[in-house]
């Protein structure tokens, strides 16, 4: 398939495809007699995986290293697996961090729901509970977190 078809099928822009080829992230593709790039199914699979690695926040230098190892064939299977295992561990750590952040948000949302049920001044922006006690209320300052 031509580069325009490949761009449409892969979801990558033509500029991104050319950039990936230039930096070695996409392998050089065969060209027809007119010099036009000809992509195949394997190229689509690789482009899809590259997009997943990007979505997983794998740094470009790691994606480049992975692509370099991939181009070397089966001899690098262990290294590639190890890279993916290390990145998986990084993602699991991020996942745990995100769970903690969501827990914090859930507590704050619950706090606000509770406050809404006890509001004595509907125009008040003060948040007197859950984040610092009553000192701000006593001083008449602050808007809470």
N, C-alpha and C. Protein backbone atom coordinates (compact mmCIF):
# COMPACT_ATOMS: atom_id res chain seq x y z
N UNK A 1 0.84 -1.18 0.00
CA UNK A 1 0.00 0.00 0.00
C UNK A 1 0.89 1.24 0.00
N UNK A 2 0.38 2.29 -0.56
CA UNK A 2 1.12 3.55 -0.63
C UNK A 2 1.09 4.26 0.73
N UNK A 3 1.94 5.27 0.87
CA UNK A 3 2.07 5.96 2.14
C UNK A 3 0.75 6.60 2.59
N UNK A 4 -0.03 7.13 1.65
CA UNK A 4 -1.31 7.74 2.03
C UNK A 4 -2.27 6.69 2.59
N UNK A 5 -2.29 5.51 1.98
CA UNK A 5 -3.13 4.42 2.48
C UNK A 5 -2.62 3.93 3.83
N UNK A 6 -1.30 3.83 3.94
CA UNK A 6 -0.70 3.39 5.19
C UNK A 6 -1.03 4.38 6.31
N UNK A 7 -0.96 5.67 6.00
CA UNK A 7 -1.28 6.69 7.00
C UNK A 7 -2.73 6.54 7.46
N UNK A 8 -3.62 6.37 6.52
CA UNK A 8 -5.04 6.22 6.86
C UNK A 8 -5.27 4.96 7.70
N UNK A 9 -4.68 3.86 7.30
CA UNK A 9 -4.87 2.58 8.01
C UNK A 9 -4.20 2.57 9.38
N UNK A 10 -3.05 3.20 9.49
CA UNK A 10 -2.29 3.15 10.74
C UNK A 10 -2.70 4.23 11.73
N UNK A 11 -3.27 5.32 11.22
CA UNK A 11 -3.60 6.44 12.10
C UNK A 11 -2.43 7.39 12.31
N UNK A 12 -1.30 7.11 11.67
CA UNK A 12 -0.13 8.01 11.74
C UNK A 12 -0.20 8.99 10.59
N UNK A 13 0.29 10.18 10.82
CA UNK A 13 0.35 11.14 9.72
C UNK A 13 1.50 10.76 8.79
N UNK A 14 1.43 11.23 7.56
CA UNK A 14 2.50 10.98 6.60
C UNK A 14 3.81 11.56 7.13
N UNK A 15 3.76 12.74 7.72
CA UNK A 15 4.98 13.34 8.29
C UNK A 15 5.56 12.46 9.40
N UNK A 16 4.71 11.91 10.24
CA UNK A 16 5.18 11.04 11.32
C UNK A 16 5.81 9.78 10.76
N UNK A 17 5.20 9.21 9.75
CA UNK A 17 5.75 8.00 9.12
C UNK A 17 7.14 8.29 8.56
N UNK A 18 7.27 9.38 7.85
CA UNK A 18 8.57 9.74 7.28
C UNK A 18 9.60 10.01 8.38
N UNK A 19 9.16 10.68 9.44
CA UNK A 19 10.05 10.95 10.57
C UNK A 19 10.51 9.64 11.21
N UNK A 20 9.57 8.74 11.45
CA UNK A 20 9.92 7.44 12.04
C UNK A 20 10.91 6.68 11.16
N UNK A 21 10.74 6.77 9.85
CA UNK A 21 11.70 6.13 8.94
C UNK A 21 13.07 6.79 9.05
N UNK A 22 13.06 8.12 9.10
CA UNK A 22 14.32 8.87 9.14
C UNK A 22 15.13 8.54 10.41
N UNK A 23 14.45 8.40 11.55
CA UNK A 23 15.17 8.13 12.80
C UNK A 23 15.37 6.64 13.05
N UNK A 24 14.84 5.80 12.16
CA UNK A 24 15.05 4.36 12.28
C UNK A 24 14.01 3.63 13.10
N UNK A 25 12.94 4.30 13.46
CA UNK A 25 11.89 3.63 14.23
C UNK A 25 11.03 2.74 13.34
N UNK A 26 10.81 3.18 12.14
CA UNK A 26 10.14 2.35 11.13
C UNK A 26 11.23 1.86 10.19
N UNK A 27 11.20 0.57 9.86
CA UNK A 27 12.21 0.08 8.93
C UNK A 27 12.01 0.70 7.54
N UNK A 28 13.09 0.77 6.81
CA UNK A 28 12.99 1.25 5.43
C UNK A 28 12.09 0.29 4.67
N UNK A 29 11.19 0.86 3.90
CA UNK A 29 10.25 0.02 3.16
C UNK A 29 10.68 -0.08 1.70
N UNK A 30 10.18 -1.11 1.08
CA UNK A 30 10.46 -1.28 -0.35
C UNK A 30 9.79 -0.16 -1.13
N UNK A 31 10.35 0.12 -2.27
CA UNK A 31 9.78 1.15 -3.14
C UNK A 31 9.47 0.54 -4.49
N UNK A 32 8.43 1.07 -5.12
CA UNK A 32 8.09 0.58 -6.46
C UNK A 32 9.00 1.23 -7.48
N UNK A 33 8.80 0.93 -8.74
CA UNK A 33 9.68 1.46 -9.79
C UNK A 33 9.66 2.98 -9.86
N UNK A 34 8.56 3.56 -9.41
CA UNK A 34 8.46 5.02 -9.41
C UNK A 34 9.06 5.65 -8.16
N UNK A 35 9.62 4.84 -7.28
CA UNK A 35 10.24 5.35 -6.06
C UNK A 35 9.27 5.57 -4.91
N UNK A 36 8.01 5.15 -5.11
CA UNK A 36 7.02 5.33 -4.05
C UNK A 36 7.09 4.19 -3.04
N UNK A 37 6.95 4.55 -1.78
CA UNK A 37 7.00 3.55 -0.70
C UNK A 37 5.84 2.57 -0.86
N UNK A 38 6.13 1.31 -0.51
CA UNK A 38 5.11 0.26 -0.55
C UNK A 38 5.10 -0.45 0.81
N UNK A 39 4.04 -0.25 1.56
CA UNK A 39 3.92 -0.82 2.90
C UNK A 39 3.08 -2.08 2.86
N UNK A 40 3.33 -2.94 3.83
CA UNK A 40 2.60 -4.19 3.92
C UNK A 40 1.95 -4.36 5.29
N UNK A 41 1.35 -5.51 5.49
CA UNK A 41 0.65 -5.82 6.73
C UNK A 41 1.58 -5.76 7.94
N UNK A 42 2.79 -6.30 7.80
CA UNK A 42 3.74 -6.28 8.92
C UNK A 42 4.06 -4.85 9.36
N UNK A 43 4.11 -3.94 8.40
CA UNK A 43 4.36 -2.54 8.73
C UNK A 43 3.20 -1.97 9.55
N UNK A 44 1.98 -2.36 9.21
CA UNK A 44 0.81 -1.90 9.98
C UNK A 44 0.85 -2.44 11.41
N UNK A 45 1.21 -3.71 11.55
CA UNK A 45 1.31 -4.31 12.88
C UNK A 45 2.35 -3.57 13.71
N UNK A 46 3.50 -3.29 13.13
CA UNK A 46 4.57 -2.58 13.83
C UNK A 46 4.12 -1.17 14.20
N UNK A 47 3.48 -0.46 13.28
CA UNK A 47 3.01 0.90 13.56
C UNK A 47 2.00 0.89 14.70
N UNK A 48 1.13 -0.10 14.71
CA UNK A 48 0.15 -0.22 15.79
C UNK A 48 0.84 -0.43 17.13
N UNK A 49 1.86 -1.28 17.16
CA UNK A 49 2.58 -1.53 18.40
C UNK A 49 3.34 -0.28 18.84
N UNK A 50 3.93 0.44 17.89
CA UNK A 50 4.62 1.69 18.23
C UNK A 50 3.66 2.68 18.89
N UNK A 51 2.46 2.76 18.38
CA UNK A 51 1.47 3.67 18.96
C UNK A 51 1.10 3.23 20.38
N UNK A 52 1.03 1.93 20.60
CA UNK A 52 0.74 1.43 21.94
C UNK A 52 1.89 1.75 22.89
N UNK A 53 3.12 1.59 22.43
CA UNK A 53 4.27 1.92 23.27
C UNK A 53 4.26 3.41 23.62
N UNK A 54 3.90 4.25 22.66
CA UNK A 54 3.82 5.68 22.93
C UNK A 54 2.71 5.96 23.94
N UNK A 55 1.55 5.32 23.77
CA UNK A 55 0.44 5.51 24.69
C UNK A 55 0.81 5.05 26.10
N UNK A 56 1.73 4.10 26.18
CA UNK A 56 2.20 3.60 27.48
C UNK A 56 3.30 4.47 28.07
N UNK A 57 3.56 5.60 27.43
CA UNK A 57 4.60 6.52 27.88
C UNK A 57 6.00 5.93 27.85
N UNK A 58 6.24 5.00 26.94
CA UNK A 58 7.61 4.52 26.78
C UNK A 58 8.41 5.64 26.11
N UNK A 59 9.52 6.04 26.70
CA UNK A 59 10.32 7.12 26.11
C UNK A 59 10.79 6.76 24.70
N UNK A 60 10.96 7.79 23.89
CA UNK A 60 11.38 7.59 22.50
C UNK A 60 12.70 6.82 22.43
N UNK A 61 13.63 7.13 23.30
CA UNK A 61 14.93 6.43 23.25
C UNK A 61 14.74 4.94 23.48
N UNK A 62 13.78 4.57 24.33
CA UNK A 62 13.51 3.14 24.57
C UNK A 62 12.81 2.51 23.37
N UNK A 63 11.91 3.26 22.75
CA UNK A 63 11.24 2.75 21.53
C UNK A 63 12.26 2.55 20.42
N UNK A 64 13.20 3.49 20.31
CA UNK A 64 14.25 3.35 19.30
C UNK A 64 15.11 2.12 19.58
N UNK A 65 15.45 1.92 20.84
CA UNK A 65 16.25 0.75 21.21
C UNK A 65 15.48 -0.53 20.92
N UNK A 66 14.21 -0.54 21.26
CA UNK A 66 13.37 -1.71 20.99
C UNK A 66 13.33 -1.98 19.49
N UNK A 67 13.13 -0.93 18.69
CA UNK A 67 13.10 -1.09 17.24
C UNK A 67 14.42 -1.60 16.69
N UNK A 68 15.53 -1.09 17.24
CA UNK A 68 16.85 -1.56 16.81
C UNK A 68 17.00 -3.04 17.11
N UNK A 69 16.61 -3.45 18.31
CA UNK A 69 16.69 -4.86 18.68
C UNK A 69 15.78 -5.71 17.78
N UNK A 70 14.60 -5.21 17.52
CA UNK A 70 13.65 -5.93 16.65
C UNK A 70 14.25 -6.17 15.27
N UNK A 71 14.96 -5.18 14.76
CA UNK A 71 15.54 -5.30 13.43
C UNK A 71 16.64 -6.36 13.37
N UNK A 72 17.16 -6.71 14.54
CA UNK A 72 18.23 -7.72 14.60
C UNK A 72 17.69 -9.15 14.62
N UNK A 73 16.38 -9.28 14.75
CA UNK A 73 15.78 -10.61 14.67
C UNK A 73 15.67 -11.34 16.00
N UNK A 74 15.47 -12.65 15.85
CA UNK A 74 15.17 -13.51 17.00
C UNK A 74 16.28 -13.55 18.04
N UNK A 75 17.50 -13.24 17.65
CA UNK A 75 18.62 -13.27 18.60
C UNK A 75 18.40 -12.30 19.76
N UNK A 76 17.50 -11.30 19.58
CA UNK A 76 17.27 -10.29 20.62
C UNK A 76 15.95 -10.49 21.36
N UNK A 77 15.31 -11.62 21.18
CA UNK A 77 14.02 -11.86 21.83
C UNK A 77 14.09 -11.65 23.34
N UNK A 78 15.11 -12.19 23.98
CA UNK A 78 15.24 -12.04 25.42
C UNK A 78 15.39 -10.60 25.86
N UNK A 79 16.19 -9.83 25.12
CA UNK A 79 16.38 -8.41 25.46
C UNK A 79 15.08 -7.63 25.29
N UNK A 80 14.36 -7.94 24.22
CA UNK A 80 13.09 -7.25 23.99
C UNK A 80 12.08 -7.60 25.07
N UNK A 81 12.01 -8.87 25.44
CA UNK A 81 11.10 -9.29 26.51
C UNK A 81 11.46 -8.57 27.80
N UNK A 82 12.74 -8.49 28.11
CA UNK A 82 13.19 -7.83 29.33
C UNK A 82 12.80 -6.35 29.32
N UNK A 83 12.97 -5.69 28.18
CA UNK A 83 12.57 -4.28 28.08
C UNK A 83 11.09 -4.12 28.37
N UNK A 84 10.28 -5.02 27.80
CA UNK A 84 8.83 -4.92 28.01
C UNK A 84 8.47 -5.23 29.46
N UNK A 85 9.16 -6.19 30.07
CA UNK A 85 8.89 -6.50 31.48
C UNK A 85 9.23 -5.30 32.37
N UNK A 86 10.34 -4.63 32.08
CA UNK A 86 10.73 -3.45 32.86
C UNK A 86 9.71 -2.33 32.69
N UNK A 87 9.24 -2.16 31.45
CA UNK A 87 8.26 -1.10 31.23
C UNK A 87 6.93 -1.46 31.88
N UNK A 88 6.60 -2.73 31.88
CA UNK A 88 5.37 -3.19 32.55
C UNK A 88 5.44 -2.86 34.04
N UNK A 89 6.58 -3.09 34.66
CA UNK A 89 6.75 -2.77 36.07
C UNK A 89 6.57 -1.26 36.31
N UNK A 90 7.09 -0.45 35.39
CA UNK A 90 6.91 1.00 35.49
C UNK A 90 5.44 1.37 35.41
N UNK A 91 4.71 0.74 34.49
CA UNK A 91 3.28 1.02 34.35
C UNK A 91 2.50 0.58 35.58
N UNK A 92 2.87 -0.55 36.16
CA UNK A 92 2.19 -1.01 37.37
C UNK A 92 2.40 -0.04 38.52
N UNK A 93 3.59 0.53 38.63
CA UNK A 93 3.86 1.54 39.65
C UNK A 93 3.00 2.76 39.40
N UNK A 94 2.93 3.21 38.16
CA UNK A 94 2.09 4.36 37.83
C UNK A 94 0.62 4.05 38.14
N UNK A 95 0.21 2.83 37.85
CA UNK A 95 -1.17 2.43 38.13
C UNK A 95 -1.46 2.54 39.63
N UNK A 96 -0.54 2.06 40.45
CA UNK A 96 -0.72 2.15 41.90
C UNK A 96 -0.77 3.61 42.34
N UNK A 97 0.07 4.44 41.75
CA UNK A 97 0.05 5.88 42.07
C UNK A 97 -1.29 6.49 41.69
N UNK A 98 -1.80 6.13 40.53
CA UNK A 98 -3.09 6.66 40.07
C UNK A 98 -4.22 6.19 40.99
N UNK A 99 -4.19 4.95 41.43
CA UNK A 99 -5.20 4.46 42.37
C UNK A 99 -5.19 5.31 43.63
N UNK A 100 -4.00 5.63 44.13
CA UNK A 100 -3.90 6.49 45.31
C UNK A 100 -4.48 7.88 45.05
N UNK A 101 -4.21 8.43 43.88
CA UNK A 101 -4.75 9.74 43.54
C UNK A 101 -6.27 9.70 43.42
N UNK A 102 -6.79 8.65 42.83
CA UNK A 102 -8.25 8.50 42.72
C UNK A 102 -8.87 8.37 44.10
N UNK A 103 -8.21 7.66 45.00
CA UNK A 103 -8.70 7.54 46.37
C UNK A 103 -8.77 8.91 47.04
N UNK A 104 -7.76 9.73 46.81
CA UNK A 104 -7.76 11.09 47.35
C UNK A 104 -8.92 11.90 46.78
N UNK A 105 -9.14 11.80 45.47
CA UNK A 105 -10.26 12.50 44.84
C UNK A 105 -11.59 12.01 45.38
N UNK A 106 -11.74 10.69 45.52
CA UNK A 106 -12.98 10.13 46.06
C UNK A 106 -13.28 10.68 47.45
N UNK A 107 -12.24 10.76 48.29
CA UNK A 107 -12.43 11.29 49.64
C UNK A 107 -12.86 12.75 49.59
N UNK A 108 -12.26 13.53 48.70
CA UNK A 108 -12.60 14.95 48.58
C UNK A 108 -14.03 15.10 48.05
N UNK A 109 -14.39 14.29 47.07
CA UNK A 109 -15.75 14.34 46.52
C UNK A 109 -16.76 14.00 47.61
N UNK A 110 -16.49 12.97 48.38
CA UNK A 110 -17.37 12.58 49.48
C UNK A 110 -17.47 13.71 50.49
N UNK A 111 -16.34 14.32 50.78
CA UNK A 111 -16.32 15.45 51.72
C UNK A 111 -17.22 16.57 51.22
N UNK A 112 -17.12 16.92 49.93
CA UNK A 112 -17.95 17.98 49.38
C UNK A 112 -19.43 17.60 49.39
N UNK A 113 -19.74 16.36 49.09
CA UNK A 113 -21.15 15.92 49.15
C UNK A 113 -21.69 16.08 50.56
N UNK A 114 -20.88 15.69 51.54
CA UNK A 114 -21.29 15.84 52.94
C UNK A 114 -21.49 17.31 53.27
N UNK A 115 -20.57 18.16 52.81
CA UNK A 115 -20.67 19.59 53.08
C UNK A 115 -21.91 20.19 52.42
N UNK A 116 -22.23 19.75 51.21
CA UNK A 116 -23.40 20.28 50.52
C UNK A 116 -24.67 20.06 51.33
N UNK A 117 -24.72 18.95 52.05
CA UNK A 117 -25.88 18.65 52.87
C UNK A 117 -25.96 19.49 54.14
N UNK A 118 -24.86 20.17 54.48
CA UNK A 118 -24.82 20.94 55.73
C UNK A 118 -24.56 22.42 55.49
N UNK A 119 -24.65 22.88 54.27
CA UNK A 119 -24.31 24.27 53.96
C UNK A 119 -25.29 25.20 54.66
N UNK A 120 -24.73 26.16 55.45
CA UNK A 120 -25.57 27.17 56.09
C UNK A 120 -25.54 28.47 55.31
N UNK A 121 -24.54 28.63 54.45
CA UNK A 121 -24.42 29.82 53.62
C UNK A 121 -24.20 29.35 52.18
N UNK A 122 -25.27 29.30 51.37
CA UNK A 122 -25.15 28.77 50.01
C UNK A 122 -24.13 29.51 49.15
N UNK A 123 -23.79 30.74 49.48
CA UNK A 123 -22.82 31.50 48.70
C UNK A 123 -21.39 31.33 49.18
N UNK A 124 -21.17 30.58 50.23
CA UNK A 124 -19.84 30.43 50.79
C UNK A 124 -18.96 29.57 49.90
N UNK A 125 -17.70 29.97 49.77
CA UNK A 125 -16.73 29.17 49.02
C UNK A 125 -15.75 28.49 49.96
N UNK A 126 -15.94 28.68 51.26
CA UNK A 126 -15.01 28.13 52.24
C UNK A 126 -15.17 26.63 52.39
N UNK A 127 -14.07 25.99 52.54
CA UNK A 127 -14.01 24.55 52.76
C UNK A 127 -13.41 24.35 54.14
N UNK A 128 -14.28 24.16 55.13
CA UNK A 128 -13.83 24.13 56.51
C UNK A 128 -13.42 22.76 57.00
N UNK A 129 -13.68 21.75 56.25
CA UNK A 129 -13.38 20.42 56.75
C UNK A 129 -12.56 19.61 55.78
N UNK A 130 -11.88 18.64 56.32
CA UNK A 130 -11.16 17.69 55.50
C UNK A 130 -9.78 18.11 55.05
N UNK A 131 -9.45 19.39 55.19
CA UNK A 131 -8.14 19.85 54.70
C UNK A 131 -7.58 20.96 55.56
N UNK A 132 -7.58 20.81 56.82
CA UNK A 132 -6.93 21.84 57.62
C UNK A 132 -7.76 22.37 58.77
N UNK A 133 -8.80 21.73 59.11
CA UNK A 133 -9.55 22.11 60.30
C UNK A 133 -10.34 23.38 60.13
N UNK A 134 -10.51 24.12 61.26
CA UNK A 134 -11.39 25.28 61.27
C UNK A 134 -10.63 26.59 61.34
N UNK A 135 -9.31 26.55 61.28
CA UNK A 135 -8.53 27.78 61.43
C UNK A 135 -8.91 28.81 60.38
N UNK A 136 -9.07 28.41 59.14
CA UNK A 136 -9.42 29.36 58.09
C UNK A 136 -10.78 29.98 58.36
N UNK A 137 -11.73 29.21 58.87
CA UNK A 137 -13.05 29.74 59.17
C UNK A 137 -12.95 30.74 60.31
N UNK A 138 -12.15 30.37 61.32
CA UNK A 138 -12.00 31.25 62.47
C UNK A 138 -11.36 32.58 62.07
N UNK A 139 -10.46 32.56 61.15
CA UNK A 139 -9.80 33.78 60.69
C UNK A 139 -10.61 34.48 59.62
N UNK A 140 -11.55 33.74 59.02
CA UNK A 140 -12.36 34.33 57.95
C UNK A 140 -11.60 34.44 56.66
N UNK A 141 -10.57 33.57 56.46
CA UNK A 141 -9.77 33.63 55.23
C UNK A 141 -9.75 32.27 54.59
N UNK A 142 -9.31 32.25 53.36
CA UNK A 142 -9.08 30.99 52.65
C UNK A 142 -10.31 30.50 51.93
N UNK A 143 -10.06 29.76 50.90
CA UNK A 143 -11.15 29.18 50.12
C UNK A 143 -11.09 27.67 50.14
N UNK A 144 -10.14 27.11 50.85
CA UNK A 144 -10.03 25.65 50.91
C UNK A 144 -9.41 25.08 49.66
N UNK A 145 -9.21 23.81 49.71
CA UNK A 145 -8.56 23.13 48.58
C UNK A 145 -9.56 22.71 47.54
